[in-house]
Amino acid sequence: MEIEPGIYEHFKGQRYEVFGIARHSETEEVFVSYRKLYDDYSHWVRPVAMFLGNVERDGYSGPRFRRVV
């Protein structure tokens, strides 16, 4: 699955704006660059594998993030 810029929803309900992917300058690990669309609107990165991963928690089973816009 390719990660495209847009609005994504976390499985807990919060929304985030994804800017795209970034690569670590030394390890070349690939990260997703995004910001929260609530609270302080801070910027974050997360490894692509974790961003695309599935979650099984509190009766929920599905993707950690899903694109909504």
PDB file of N, CA and C in Angstrom:
ATOM      1  N   MET A   1       0.838  -1.188   0.000  1.00  0.00           N
ATOM      2  CA  MET A   1       0.000   0.000   0.000  1.00  0.00           C
ATOM      3  C   MET A   1       0.881   1.249   0.000  1.00  0.00           C
ATOM      4  N   GLU A   2       0.550   2.193  -0.815  1.00  0.00           N
ATOM      5  CA  GLU A   2       1.282   3.450  -0.876  1.00  0.00           C
ATOM      6  C   GLU A   2       0.624   4.463   0.056  1.00  0.00           C
ATOM      7  N   ILE A   3       1.441   5.269   0.699  1.00  0.00           N
ATOM      8  CA  ILE A   3       0.915   6.299   1.596  1.00  0.00           C
ATOM      9  C   ILE A   3       0.899   7.614   0.845  1.00  0.00           C
ATOM     10  N   GLU A   4      -0.294   8.130   0.627  1.00  0.00           N
ATOM     11  CA  GLU A   4      -0.456   9.390  -0.082  1.00  0.00           C
ATOM     12  C   GLU A   4      -0.791  10.499   0.909  1.00  0.00           C
ATOM     13  N   PRO A   5      -0.396  11.736   0.598  1.00  0.00           N
ATOM     14  CA  PRO A   5      -0.784  12.850   1.454  1.00  0.00           C
ATOM     15  C   PRO A   5      -2.316  12.916   1.574  1.00  0.00           C
ATOM     16  N   GLY A   6      -2.776  13.352   2.710  1.00  0.00           N
ATOM     17  CA  GLY A   6      -4.213  13.471   2.927  1.00  0.00           C
ATOM     18  C   GLY A   6      -4.549  13.403   4.403  1.00  0.00           C
ATOM     19  N   ILE A   7      -5.829  13.256   4.683  1.00  0.00           N
ATOM     20  CA  ILE A   7      -6.317  13.172   6.058  1.00  0.00           C
ATOM     21  C   ILE A   7      -6.558  11.702   6.386  1.00  0.00           C
ATOM     22  N   TYR A   8      -5.986  11.284   7.498  1.00  0.00           N
ATOM     23  CA  TYR A   8      -6.107   9.901   7.959  1.00  0.00           C
ATOM     24  C   TYR A   8      -6.728   9.898   9.341  1.00  0.00           C
ATOM     25  N   GLU A   9      -7.442   8.827   9.638  1.00  0.00           N
ATOM     26  CA  GLU A   9      -8.053   8.682  10.955  1.00  0.00           C
ATOM     27  C   GLU A   9      -7.394   7.518  11.677  1.00  0.00           C
ATOM     28  N   HIS A  10      -6.982   7.775  12.903  1.00  0.00           N
ATOM     29  CA  HIS A  10      -6.404   6.749  13.771  1.00  0.00           C
ATOM     30  C   HIS A  10      -7.538   5.866  14.281  1.00  0.00           C
ATOM     31  N   PHE A  11      -7.248   4.633  14.608  1.00  0.00           N
ATOM     32  CA  PHE A  11      -8.309   3.723  15.049  1.00  0.00           C
ATOM     33  C   PHE A  11      -9.010   4.202  16.307  1.00  0.00           C
ATOM     34  N   LYS A  12      -8.400   5.105  17.070  1.00  0.00           N
ATOM     35  CA  LYS A  12      -9.057   5.655  18.264  1.00  0.00           C
ATOM     36  C   LYS A  12      -9.937   6.857  17.940  1.00  0.00           C
ATOM     37  N   GLY A  13      -9.920   7.301  16.650  1.00  0.00           N
ATOM     38  CA  GLY A  13     -10.830   8.355  16.230  1.00  0.00           C
ATOM     39  C   GLY A  13     -10.219   9.696  15.905  1.00  0.00           C
ATOM     40  N   GLN A  14      -8.980   9.973  16.331  1.00  0.00           N
ATOM     41  CA  GLN A  14      -8.358  11.259  16.050  1.00  0.00           C
ATOM     42  C   GLN A  14      -7.935  11.331  14.578  1.00  0.00           C
ATOM     43  N   ARG A  15      -7.899  12.548  14.058  1.00  0.00           N
ATOM     44  CA  ARG A  15      -7.505  12.750  12.662  1.00  0.00           C
ATOM     45  C   ARG A  15      -6.143  13.423  12.563  1.00  0.00           C
ATOM     46  N   TYR A  16      -5.459  13.085  11.480  1.00  0.00           N
ATOM     47  CA  TYR A  16      -4.100  13.558  11.231  1.00  0.00           C
ATOM     48  C   TYR A  16      -3.951  13.928   9.768  1.00  0.00           C
ATOM     49  N   GLU A  17      -3.108  14.915   9.495  1.00  0.00           N
ATOM     50  CA  GLU A  17      -2.783  15.275   8.123  1.00  0.00           C
ATOM     51  C   GLU A  17      -1.425  14.672   7.784  1.00  0.00           C
ATOM     52  N   VAL A  18      -1.411  13.782   6.800  1.00  0.00           N
ATOM     53  CA  VAL A  18      -0.167  13.154   6.358  1.00  0.00           C
ATOM     54  C   VAL A  18       0.420  13.992   5.234  1.00  0.00           C
ATOM     55  N   PHE A  19       1.711  14.330   5.380  1.00  0.00           N
ATOM     56  CA  PHE A  19       2.415  15.115   4.367  1.00  0.00           C
ATOM     57  C   PHE A  19       3.085  14.224   3.337  1.00  0.00           C
ATOM     58  N   GLY A  20       3.536  13.070   3.747  1.00  0.00           N
ATOM     59  CA  GLY A  20       4.235  12.151   2.849  1.00  0.00           C
ATOM     60  C   GLY A  20       5.218  11.315   3.633  1.00  0.00           C
ATOM     61  N   ILE A  21       6.198  10.774   2.918  1.00  0.00           N
ATOM     62  CA  ILE A  21       7.187   9.943   3.577  1.00  0.00           C
ATOM     63  C   ILE A  21       8.533  10.667   3.625  1.00  0.00           C
ATOM     64  N   ALA A  22       9.349  10.272   4.588  1.00  0.00           N
ATOM     65  CA  ALA A  22      10.692  10.822   4.758  1.00  0.00           C
ATOM     66  C   ALA A  22      11.635   9.656   5.042  1.00  0.00           C
ATOM     67  N   ARG A  23      12.869   9.812   4.645  1.00  0.00           N
ATOM     68  CA  ARG A  23      13.861   8.756   4.845  1.00  0.00           C
ATOM     69  C   ARG A  23      14.945   9.259   5.802  1.00  0.00           C
ATOM     70  N   HIS A  24      15.309   8.414   6.754  1.00  0.00           N
ATOM     71  CA  HIS A  24      16.376   8.746   7.700  1.00  0.00           C
ATOM     72  C   HIS A  24      17.688   8.863   6.937  1.00  0.00           C
ATOM     73  N   SER A  25      18.450   9.904   7.203  1.00  0.00           N
ATOM     74  CA  SER A  25      19.656  10.199   6.423  1.00  0.00           C
ATOM     75  C   SER A  25      20.776   9.179   6.595  1.00  0.00           C
ATOM     76  N   GLU A  26      20.792   8.437   7.683  1.00  0.00           N
ATOM     77  CA  GLU A  26      21.872   7.471   7.889  1.00  0.00           C
ATOM     78  C   GLU A  26      21.415   6.028   7.758  1.00  0.00           C
ATOM     79  N   THR A  27      20.241   5.714   8.286  1.00  0.00           N
ATOM     80  CA  THR A  27      19.772   4.322   8.243  1.00  0.00           C
ATOM     81  C   THR A  27      18.895   4.038   7.026  1.00  0.00           C
ATOM     82  N   GLU A  28      18.409   5.091   6.396  1.00  0.00           N
ATOM     83  CA  GLU A  28      17.486   5.017   5.267  1.00  0.00           C
ATOM     84  C   GLU A  28      16.136   4.396   5.628  1.00  0.00           C
ATOM     85  N   GLU A  29      15.842   4.284   6.930  1.00  0.00           N
ATOM     86  CA  GLU A  29      14.521   3.823   7.350  1.00  0.00           C
ATOM     87  C   GLU A  29      13.491   4.831   6.863  1.00  0.00           C
ATOM     88  N   VAL A  30      12.328   4.339   6.424  1.00  0.00           N
ATOM     89  CA  VAL A  30      11.289   5.193   5.869  1.00  0.00           C
ATOM     90  C   VAL A  30      10.233   5.477   6.940  1.00  0.00           C
ATOM     91  N   PHE A  31       9.887   6.767   7.051  1.00  0.00           N
ATOM     92  CA  PHE A  31       8.913   7.222   8.035  1.00  0.00           C
ATOM     93  C   PHE A  31       7.777   7.967   7.350  1.00  0.00           C
ATOM     94  N   VAL A  32       6.622   8.012   8.013  1.00  0.00           N
ATOM     95  CA  VAL A  32       5.500   8.833   7.583  1.00  0.00           C
ATOM     96  C   VAL A  32       5.574  10.137   8.373  1.00  0.00           C
ATOM     97  N   SER A  33       5.446  11.249   7.688  1.00  0.00           N
ATOM     98  CA  SER A  33       5.458  12.571   8.312  1.00  0.00           C
ATOM     99  C   SER A  33       4.026  13.082   8.380  1.00  0.00           C
ATOM    100  N   TYR A  34       3.584  13.462   9.588  1.00  0.00           N
ATOM    101  CA  TYR A  34       2.198  13.895   9.747  1.00  0.00           C
ATOM    102  C   TYR A  34       2.069  14.864  10.915  1.00  0.00           C
ATOM    103  N   ARG A  35       0.882  15.507  11.007  1.00  0.00           N
ATOM    104  CA  ARG A  35       0.598  16.373  12.154  1.00  0.00           C
ATOM    105  C   ARG A  35      -0.795  16.086  12.674  1.00  0.00           C
ATOM    106  N   LYS A  36      -0.943  16.320  13.960  1.00  0.00           N
ATOM    107  CA  LYS A  36      -2.231  16.144  14.604  1.00  0.00           C
ATOM    108  C   LYS A  36      -3.182  17.235  14.133  1.00  0.00           C
ATOM    109  N   LEU A  37      -4.432  16.905  13.950  1.00  0.00           N
ATOM    110  CA  LEU A  37      -5.447  17.900  13.594  1.00  0.00           C
ATOM    111  C   LEU A  37      -6.332  18.211  14.812  1.00  0.00           C
ATOM    112  N   TYR A  38      -5.704  18.211  15.962  1.00  0.00           N
ATOM    113  CA  TYR A  38      -6.377  18.538  17.222  1.00  0.00           C
ATOM    114  C   TYR A  38      -5.304  18.959  18.223  1.00  0.00           C
ATOM    115  N   ASP A  39      -5.730  19.425  19.357  1.00  0.00           N
ATOM    116  CA  ASP A  39      -4.814  19.770  20.437  1.00  0.00           C
ATOM    117  C   ASP A  39      -3.788  20.802  19.986  1.00  0.00           C
ATOM    118  N   ASP A  40      -2.504  20.462  19.953  1.00  0.00           N
ATOM    119  CA  ASP A  40      -1.462  21.439  19.630  1.00  0.00           C
ATOM    120  C   ASP A  40      -1.001  21.400  18.165  1.00  0.00           C
ATOM    121  N   TYR A  41      -1.616  20.552  17.338  1.00  0.00           N
ATOM    122  CA  TYR A  41      -1.276  20.438  15.907  1.00  0.00           C
ATOM    123  C   TYR A  41       0.215  20.148  15.688  1.00  0.00           C
ATOM    124  N   SER A  42       0.811  19.417  16.613  1.00  0.00           N
ATOM    125  CA  SER A  42       2.239  19.111  16.528  1.00  0.00           C
ATOM    126  C   SER A  42       2.544  18.128  15.395  1.00  0.00           C
ATOM    127  N   HIS A  43       3.805  18.136  14.966  1.00  0.00           N
ATOM    128  CA  HIS A  43       4.280  17.289  13.873  1.00  0.00           C
ATOM    129  C   HIS A  43       4.943  16.038  14.445  1.00  0.00           C
ATOM    130  N   TRP A  44       4.739  14.921  13.735  1.00  0.00           N
ATOM    131  CA  TRP A  44       5.240  13.630  14.192  1.00  0.00           C
ATOM    132  C   TRP A  44       5.761  12.822  13.013  1.00  0.00           C
ATOM    133  N   VAL A  45       6.557  11.804  13.316  1.00  0.00           N
ATOM    134  CA  VAL A  45       6.943  10.800  12.331  1.00  0.00           C
ATOM    135  C   VAL A  45       6.728   9.434  12.959  1.00  0.00           C
ATOM    136  N   ARG A  46       6.456   8.465  12.097  1.00  0.00           N
ATOM    137  CA  ARG A  46       6.233   7.091  12.553  1.00  0.00           C
ATOM    138  C   ARG A  46       6.759   6.174  11.463  1.00  0.00           C
ATOM    139  N   PRO A  47       7.406   5.062  11.829  1.00  0.00           N
ATOM    140  CA  PRO A  47       7.862   4.127  10.798  1.00  0.00           C
ATOM    141  C   PRO A  47       6.694   3.662   9.920  1.00  0.00           C
ATOM    142  N   VAL A  48       6.939   3.554   8.619  1.00  0.00           N
ATOM    143  CA  VAL A  48       5.885   3.164   7.677  1.00  0.00           C
ATOM    144  C   VAL A  48       5.242   1.848   8.085  1.00  0.00           C
ATOM    145  N   ALA A  49       6.036   0.866   8.484  1.00  0.00           N
ATOM    146  CA  ALA A  49       5.475  -0.442   8.858  1.00  0.00           C
ATOM    147  C   ALA A  49       4.479  -0.305  10.008  1.00  0.00           C
ATOM    148  N   MET A  50       4.768   0.559  10.960  1.00  0.00           N
ATOM    149  CA  MET A  50       3.852   0.765  12.082  1.00  0.00           C
ATOM    150  C   MET A  50       2.608   1.527  11.628  1.00  0.00           C
ATOM    151  N   PHE A  51       2.796   2.528  10.779  1.00  0.00           N
ATOM    152  CA  PHE A  51       1.670   3.318  10.279  1.00  0.00           C
ATOM    153  C   PHE A  51       0.682   2.424   9.521  1.00  0.00           C
ATOM    154  N   LEU A  52       1.215   1.516   8.707  1.00  0.00           N
ATOM    155  CA  LEU A  52       0.370   0.639   7.894  1.00  0.00           C
ATOM    156  C   LEU A  52      -0.107  -0.600   8.636  1.00  0.00           C
ATOM    157  N   GLY A  53       0.395  -0.796   9.849  1.00  0.00           N
ATOM    158  CA  GLY A  53       0.072  -2.006  10.590  1.00  0.00           C
ATOM    159  C   GLY A  53      -1.372  -2.096  11.048  1.00  0.00           C
ATOM    160  N   ASN A  54      -1.746  -3.295  11.416  1.00  0.00           N
ATOM    161  CA  ASN A  54      -3.065  -3.550  11.987  1.00  0.00           C
ATOM    162  C   ASN A  54      -2.972  -3.569  13.499  1.00  0.00           C
ATOM    163  N   VAL A  55      -4.093  -3.294  14.136  1.00  0.00           N
ATOM    164  CA  VAL A  55      -4.180  -3.222  15.590  1.00  0.00           C
ATOM    165  C   VAL A  55      -5.284  -4.161  16.051  1.00  0.00           C
ATOM    166  N   GLU A  56      -5.026  -4.851  17.149  1.00  0.00           N
ATOM    167  CA  GLU A  56      -6.061  -5.652  17.812  1.00  0.00           C
ATOM    168  C   GLU A  56      -6.063  -5.221  19.263  1.00  0.00           C
ATOM    169  N   ARG A  57      -7.062  -4.403  19.607  1.00  0.00           N
ATOM    170  CA  ARG A  57      -7.100  -3.839  20.953  1.00  0.00           C
ATOM    171  C   ARG A  57      -8.526  -3.476  21.339  1.00  0.00           C
ATOM    172  N   ASP A  58      -8.913  -3.819  22.547  1.00  0.00           N
ATOM    173  CA  ASP A  58     -10.215  -3.440  23.107  1.00  0.00           C
ATOM    174  C   ASP A  58     -11.375  -3.751  22.160  1.00  0.00           C
ATOM    175  N   GLY A  59     -11.356  -4.928  21.559  1.00  0.00           N
ATOM    176  CA  GLY A  59     -12.436  -5.337  20.667  1.00  0.00           C
ATOM    177  C   GLY A  59     -12.318  -4.832  19.242  1.00  0.00           C
ATOM    178  N   TYR A  60     -11.300  -4.035  18.953  1.00  0.00           N
ATOM    179  CA  TYR A  60     -11.090  -3.523  17.597  1.00  0.00           C
ATOM    180  C   TYR A  60     -10.015  -4.346  16.906  1.00  0.00           C
ATOM    181  N   SER A  61     -10.263  -4.669  15.663  1.00  0.00           N
ATOM    182  CA  SER A  61      -9.290  -5.363  14.839  1.00  0.00           C
ATOM    183  C   SER A  61      -9.319  -4.728  13.448  1.00  0.00           C
ATOM    184  N   GLY A  62      -8.229  -4.073  13.073  1.00  0.00           N
ATOM    185  CA  GLY A  62      -8.191  -3.414  11.772  1.00  0.00           C
ATOM    186  C   GLY A  62      -6.969  -2.535  11.633  1.00  0.00           C
ATOM    187  N   PRO A  63      -6.965  -1.685  10.619  1.00  0.00           N
ATOM    188  CA  PRO A  63      -5.801  -0.830  10.384  1.00  0.00           C
ATOM    189  C   PRO A  63      -5.612   0.225  11.465  1.00  0.00           C
ATOM    190  N   ARG A  64      -4.340   0.554  11.746  1.00  0.00           N
ATOM    191  CA  ARG A  64      -4.040   1.608  12.722  1.00  0.00           C
ATOM    192  C   ARG A  64      -4.530   2.955  12.202  1.00  0.00           C
ATOM    193  N   PHE A  65      -4.289   3.230  10.907  1.00  0.00           N
ATOM    194  CA  PHE A  65      -4.739   4.469  10.256  1.00  0.00           C
ATOM    195  C   PHE A  65      -5.481   4.109   8.979  1.00  0.00           C
ATOM    196  N   ARG A  66      -6.498   4.915   8.649  1.00  0.00           N
ATOM    197  CA  ARG A  66      -7.171   4.754   7.364  1.00  0.00           C
ATOM    198  C   ARG A  66      -7.363   6.142   6.759  1.00  0.00           C
ATOM    199  N   ARG A  67      -7.182   6.216   5.454  1.00  0.00           N
ATOM    200  CA  ARG A  67      -7.307   7.503   4.761  1.00  0.00           C
ATOM    201  C   ARG A  67      -8.794   7.852   4.641  1.00  0.00           C
ATOM    202  N   VAL A  68      -9.174   9.091   4.990  1.00  0.00           N
ATOM    203  CA  VAL A  68     -10.566   9.514   4.921  1.00  0.00           C
ATOM    204  C   VAL A  68     -10.775  10.628   3.902  1.00  0.00           C
ATOM    205  N   VAL A  69      -9.745  11.400   3.571  1.00  0.00           N
ATOM    206  CA  VAL A  69      -9.856  12.479   2.581  1.00  0.00           C
ATOM    207  C   VAL A  69      -8.580  12.528   1.783  1.00  0.00           C
TER     208      VAL A  69
END
